[in-house]
Amino acid sequence: MVVASPRISLSTRFLLGVSLASWLSMPVSALNVLLARIYPFSLGAVLDFACGLTGAVPLAMLVYGYVKQHPIHRWE
């Protein structure tokens, strides 16, 4: 893995590690947003917003990356 490579500086490895951890936890965060609809309980407005943001932002970035990867104007 690139994150464990000794050739990369420690600060870059830290940022790559945080990015890897966020992408690995994205399914859990997105599932939490869906399960909150089925089994509602209040954690407070700030924590509810943070959980929703944690699940929504990586999912939106995934869709954006997929759209950017496949160009729309390829048949013109």
Protein backbone atom coordinates (compact mmCIF):
# COMPACT_ATOMS: atom_id res chain seq x y z
CA MET A 1 0.00 0.00 0.00
CA VAL A 2 1.10 3.53 -0.72
CA VAL A 3 0.21 4.70 2.79
CA ALA A 4 2.83 2.37 4.32
CA SER A 5 5.63 3.31 1.90
CA PRO A 6 8.73 4.69 3.67
CA ARG A 7 9.59 6.80 0.58
CA ILE A 8 6.72 9.21 1.27
CA SER A 9 7.00 11.89 3.95
CA LEU A 10 5.22 11.38 7.25
CA SER A 11 2.80 14.28 6.75
CA THR A 12 1.74 12.96 3.33
CA ARG A 13 1.32 9.45 4.71
CA PHE A 14 -0.84 10.85 7.51
CA LEU A 15 -3.13 12.63 5.04
CA LEU A 16 -3.34 9.53 2.85
CA GLY A 17 -4.15 7.44 5.92
CA VAL A 18 -6.95 9.79 6.95
CA SER A 19 -8.33 9.68 3.42
CA LEU A 20 -8.18 5.88 3.38
CA ALA A 21 -9.92 5.67 6.76
CA SER A 22 -12.70 8.01 5.61
CA TRP A 23 -13.33 5.97 2.45
CA LEU A 24 -13.35 2.72 4.42
CA SER A 25 -15.86 4.14 6.91
CA MET A 26 -18.11 5.68 4.23
CA PRO A 27 -20.44 2.63 3.92
CA VAL A 28 -20.96 2.60 7.68
CA SER A 29 -21.72 6.33 7.73
CA ALA A 30 -24.11 6.06 4.78
CA LEU A 31 -25.84 3.09 6.41
CA ASN A 32 -26.23 5.12 9.59
CA VAL A 33 -28.10 7.80 7.64
CA LEU A 34 -30.51 5.17 6.28
CA LEU A 35 -30.97 3.39 9.60
CA ALA A 36 -31.77 6.68 11.34
CA ARG A 37 -34.93 6.86 9.22
CA ILE A 38 -36.04 3.36 10.27
CA TYR A 39 -34.98 3.50 13.93
CA PRO A 40 -35.08 7.17 14.89
CA PHE A 41 -33.44 8.39 18.06
CA SER A 42 -32.15 11.86 18.74
CA LEU A 43 -28.45 12.49 19.25
CA GLY A 44 -28.81 16.23 19.11
CA ALA A 45 -28.97 18.49 16.11
CA VAL A 46 -25.21 18.99 15.79
CA LEU A 47 -24.38 15.27 15.89
CA ASP A 48 -27.24 14.42 13.52
CA PHE A 49 -25.91 17.01 11.07
CA ALA A 50 -22.34 15.67 11.44
CA CYS A 51 -23.47 12.08 10.76
CA GLY A 52 -25.44 13.17 7.72
CA LEU A 53 -22.55 15.22 6.39
CA THR A 54 -20.10 12.37 6.99
CA GLY A 55 -22.27 10.03 4.94
CA ALA A 56 -23.33 12.47 2.23
CA VAL A 57 -20.06 14.16 1.27
CA PRO A 58 -18.09 11.00 0.35
CA LEU A 59 -21.10 9.64 -1.51
CA ALA A 60 -21.42 12.88 -3.51
CA MET A 61 -17.67 12.81 -4.21
CA LEU A 62 -17.99 9.22 -5.43
CA VAL A 63 -20.75 10.17 -7.87
CA TYR A 64 -18.82 13.26 -9.01
CA GLY A 65 -15.68 11.19 -9.59
CA TYR A 66 -17.62 8.61 -11.58
CA VAL A 67 -19.20 11.29 -13.77
CA LYS A 68 -15.83 13.00 -14.35
CA GLN A 69 -14.19 9.67 -15.20
CA HIS A 70 -16.65 8.91 -18.01
CA PRO A 71 -16.93 11.90 -20.40
CA ILE A 72 -20.40 12.75 -21.64
CA HIS A 73 -19.29 14.24 -25.00
CA ARG A 74 -17.57 11.15 -26.35
CA TRP A 75 -20.07 10.57 -29.19
CA GLU A 76 -19.91 14.05 -30.66
